[in-house]
Amino acid sequence: MTSSIIIRRPAVEAKTGLSTSTIYDKMAKGEFPKPRRLGKRAVGWLESDIDAWIAELPAALETSNPEAA
């Protein structure tokens, strides 16, 4: 089942361990899910998008640094 819960930036930071600047840097590079606009000055991420990014993270690290294994 896909989670349609929207989480805000502090929850994304807590869930991923990333800082705000790292999140936005990774988004600019296409390495992190983009948020959904909730209003004029508010955005949020689908929790399922963040969970999927976390699930793919170990595989991405292994392919980018083969010596880490």
Protein backbone atom coordinates (compact mmCIF):
# COMPACT_ATOMS: atom_id res chain seq x y z
CA MET A 1 0.00 0.00 0.00
CA THR A 2 1.31 3.44 -0.92
CA SER A 3 1.32 6.04 1.83
CA SER A 4 -0.33 9.30 0.78
CA ILE A 5 0.65 11.03 4.01
CA ILE A 6 2.33 14.38 3.42
CA ILE A 7 5.24 15.18 5.71
CA ARG A 8 6.87 18.57 6.14
CA ARG A 9 10.57 19.40 6.02
CA PRO A 10 11.41 18.87 9.72
CA ALA A 11 9.95 15.35 9.50
CA VAL A 12 11.88 14.70 6.26
CA GLU A 13 15.09 15.83 7.98
CA ALA A 14 14.39 13.58 10.97
CA LYS A 15 13.55 10.60 8.76
CA THR A 16 16.58 10.95 6.46
CA GLY A 17 19.17 12.50 8.74
CA LEU A 18 19.85 15.16 6.09
CA SER A 19 20.04 18.91 6.68
CA THR A 20 17.84 21.38 4.84
CA SER A 21 20.68 22.51 2.60
CA THR A 22 21.61 18.93 1.72
CA ILE A 23 18.00 18.08 0.87
CA TYR A 24 17.69 21.06 -1.49
CA ASP A 25 21.14 20.42 -2.99
CA LYS A 26 20.21 16.80 -3.72
CA MET A 27 16.86 17.91 -5.19
CA ALA A 28 18.67 20.31 -7.55
CA LYS A 29 20.89 17.41 -8.69
CA GLY A 30 17.88 15.12 -9.18
CA GLU A 31 19.02 12.86 -6.34
CA PHE A 32 16.11 13.45 -3.94
CA PRO A 33 12.31 13.54 -4.37
CA LYS A 34 10.75 16.92 -5.12
CA PRO A 35 8.14 18.25 -2.69
CA ARG A 36 4.50 18.95 -3.47
CA ARG A 37 3.23 22.51 -3.18
CA LEU A 38 0.68 22.81 -0.36
CA GLY A 39 0.13 26.56 -0.51
CA LYS A 40 1.89 29.81 -1.35
CA ARG A 41 4.67 29.23 1.16
CA ALA A 42 4.32 25.60 2.14
CA VAL A 43 5.60 22.36 0.65
CA GLY A 44 5.55 18.76 1.77
CA TRP A 45 6.79 15.40 0.59
CA LEU A 46 4.82 12.21 0.19
CA GLU A 47 6.04 9.89 2.91
CA SER A 48 6.07 7.04 0.38
CA ASP A 49 8.51 9.02 -1.83
CA ILE A 50 10.87 9.50 1.12
CA ASP A 51 10.55 5.85 2.15
CA ALA A 52 11.35 4.74 -1.41
CA TRP A 53 14.39 7.05 -1.51
CA ILE A 54 15.63 5.57 1.78
CA ALA A 55 15.07 2.01 0.51
CA GLU A 56 17.15 2.73 -2.61
CA LEU A 57 19.95 4.45 -0.71
CA PRO A 58 22.10 1.40 0.18
CA ALA A 59 22.05 0.20 -3.43
CA ALA A 60 23.06 3.65 -4.66
CA LEU A 61 25.94 3.81 -2.20
CA GLU A 62 27.21 0.37 -3.23
CA THR A 63 27.26 1.25 -6.94
CA SER A 64 28.92 4.63 -6.41
CA ASN A 65 31.60 3.30 -4.03
CA PRO A 66 32.39 -0.37 -4.69
CA GLU A 67 35.13 -0.41 -2.02
CA ALA A 68 32.63 0.39 0.75
CA ALA A 69 31.24 -3.16 0.75
